[in-house]
C-alpha cells in the first residue's frame, strides 16, 4: 500500500481489526493493531512515511499467542532451536 486511501480500502476489504506496519520493519517495531478507520488514518498520516519505495502493509489481525522463533536454514533444511513465549 502506497497511500492512505489504499490503506483504508485494504482494511475495509480485510475487515477490522488489522495489523499495520512498514514493509521494511522486522520484529514488531512500528506495528500497530488498528480497529477503527480513524485510528488507521492517524497511523498512516503520522507514524510512517508512505511511498512506493516504503509501502505499508495492512494485514488481517488474528488473535492468538505471541511467540518468538529462532530458526537456522542452510538453504535446504530449516532447524528451529527455540520457540519462546514472552512473559506477560
Protein backbone atom coordinates (compact mmCIF):
# COMPACT_ATOMS: atom_id res chain seq x y z
CA UNK A 1 0.00 0.00 0.00
CA UNK A 2 1.49 3.31 -1.01
CA UNK A 3 -1.11 5.89 0.07
CA UNK A 4 -3.71 6.46 2.78
CA UNK A 5 -6.79 5.72 0.68
CA UNK A 6 -5.31 2.40 -0.47
CA UNK A 7 -4.77 1.52 3.19
CA UNK A 8 -8.35 2.37 4.10
CA UNK A 9 -9.66 0.30 1.18
CA UNK A 10 -7.47 -2.68 2.13
CA UNK A 11 -8.71 -2.52 5.74
CA UNK A 12 -12.33 -2.41 4.56
CA UNK A 13 -11.76 -5.48 2.37
CA UNK A 14 -9.95 -7.41 5.12
CA UNK A 15 -12.16 -6.28 7.99
CA UNK A 16 -11.02 -4.77 11.26
CA UNK A 17 -9.00 -5.15 13.33
CA UNK A 18 -5.97 -5.04 11.06
CA UNK A 19 -2.25 -5.17 11.71
CA UNK A 20 -0.36 -2.31 10.02
CA UNK A 21 3.38 -1.92 9.70
CA UNK A 22 6.04 -0.66 7.32
CA UNK A 23 7.11 -3.35 4.84
CA UNK A 24 10.78 -2.90 5.75
CA UNK A 25 10.35 -3.42 9.53
CA UNK A 26 11.08 -6.65 11.36
CA UNK A 27 10.47 -7.64 14.96
CA UNK A 28 7.32 -5.67 15.64
CA UNK A 29 8.77 -2.17 15.58
CA UNK A 30 6.19 0.35 14.32
CA UNK A 31 3.48 -2.32 14.19
CA UNK A 32 0.01 -1.48 15.45
CA UNK A 33 -3.28 -3.30 15.74
CA UNK A 34 -5.96 -0.93 14.47
CA UNK A 35 -9.68 -1.44 15.00
CA UNK A 36 -11.18 1.80 13.62
CA UNK A 37 -10.76 3.77 10.41
CA UNK A 38 -9.94 6.98 12.30
CA UNK A 39 -7.02 5.26 14.07
CA UNK A 40 -5.80 3.80 10.78
CA UNK A 41 -5.87 7.24 9.15
CA UNK A 42 -3.93 8.67 12.10
CA UNK A 43 -1.31 5.88 11.89
CA UNK A 44 -0.89 6.29 8.14
CA UNK A 45 -0.58 10.09 8.42
CA UNK A 46 1.79 10.27 11.38
CA UNK A 47 3.56 7.02 12.18
CA UNK A 48 5.41 6.26 8.98
CA UNK A 49 6.49 7.70 5.66
CA UNK A 50 4.50 6.07 2.86
CA UNK A 51 5.67 5.95 -0.73
CA UNK A 52 6.37 3.41 -3.47
CA UNK A 53 9.80 2.66 -2.02
CA UNK A 54 8.45 2.30 1.55
CA UNK A 55 4.97 0.77 1.37
CA UNK A 56 2.91 -0.04 4.44
CA UNK A 57 1.39 -3.49 4.84
CA UNK A 58 -2.19 -3.92 6.02
CA UNK A 59 -2.74 -7.48 7.22
CA UNK A 60 -5.60 -9.35 8.80
CA UNK A 61 -5.14 -9.50 12.56
CA UNK A 62 -5.66 -12.93 14.06
CA UNK A 63 -6.00 -13.23 17.84
CA UNK A 64 -3.58 -15.76 19.23
CA UNK A 65 -0.38 -16.10 21.20
CA UNK A 66 2.71 -14.07 20.52
CA UNK A 67 5.84 -16.18 20.18
CA UNK A 68 9.38 -15.62 19.02
CA UNK A 69 11.03 -18.28 16.92
CA UNK A 70 14.72 -18.71 16.25
CA UNK A 71 15.44 -20.57 13.02
CA UNK A 72 18.56 -21.54 11.08
CA UNK A 73 18.50 -22.53 7.42
CA UNK A 74 21.28 -23.83 5.17
CA UNK A 75 19.26 -23.19 2.03
CA UNK A 76 17.63 -26.62 2.07
CA UNK A 77 16.67 -27.55 5.60
CA UNK A 78 15.34 -25.44 8.45
CA UNK A 79 16.24 -26.08 12.08
CA UNK A 80 14.16 -24.42 14.84
CA UNK A 81 16.19 -24.50 18.08
CA UNK A 82 13.87 -22.28 20.07
CA UNK A 83 10.26 -21.16 20.38
CA UNK A 84 9.70 -18.66 23.18
CA UNK A 85 6.54 -17.11 24.57
CA UNK A 86 7.15 -13.68 26.13
CA UNK A 87 6.18 -13.25 29.78
CA UNK A 88 3.07 -11.18 30.31
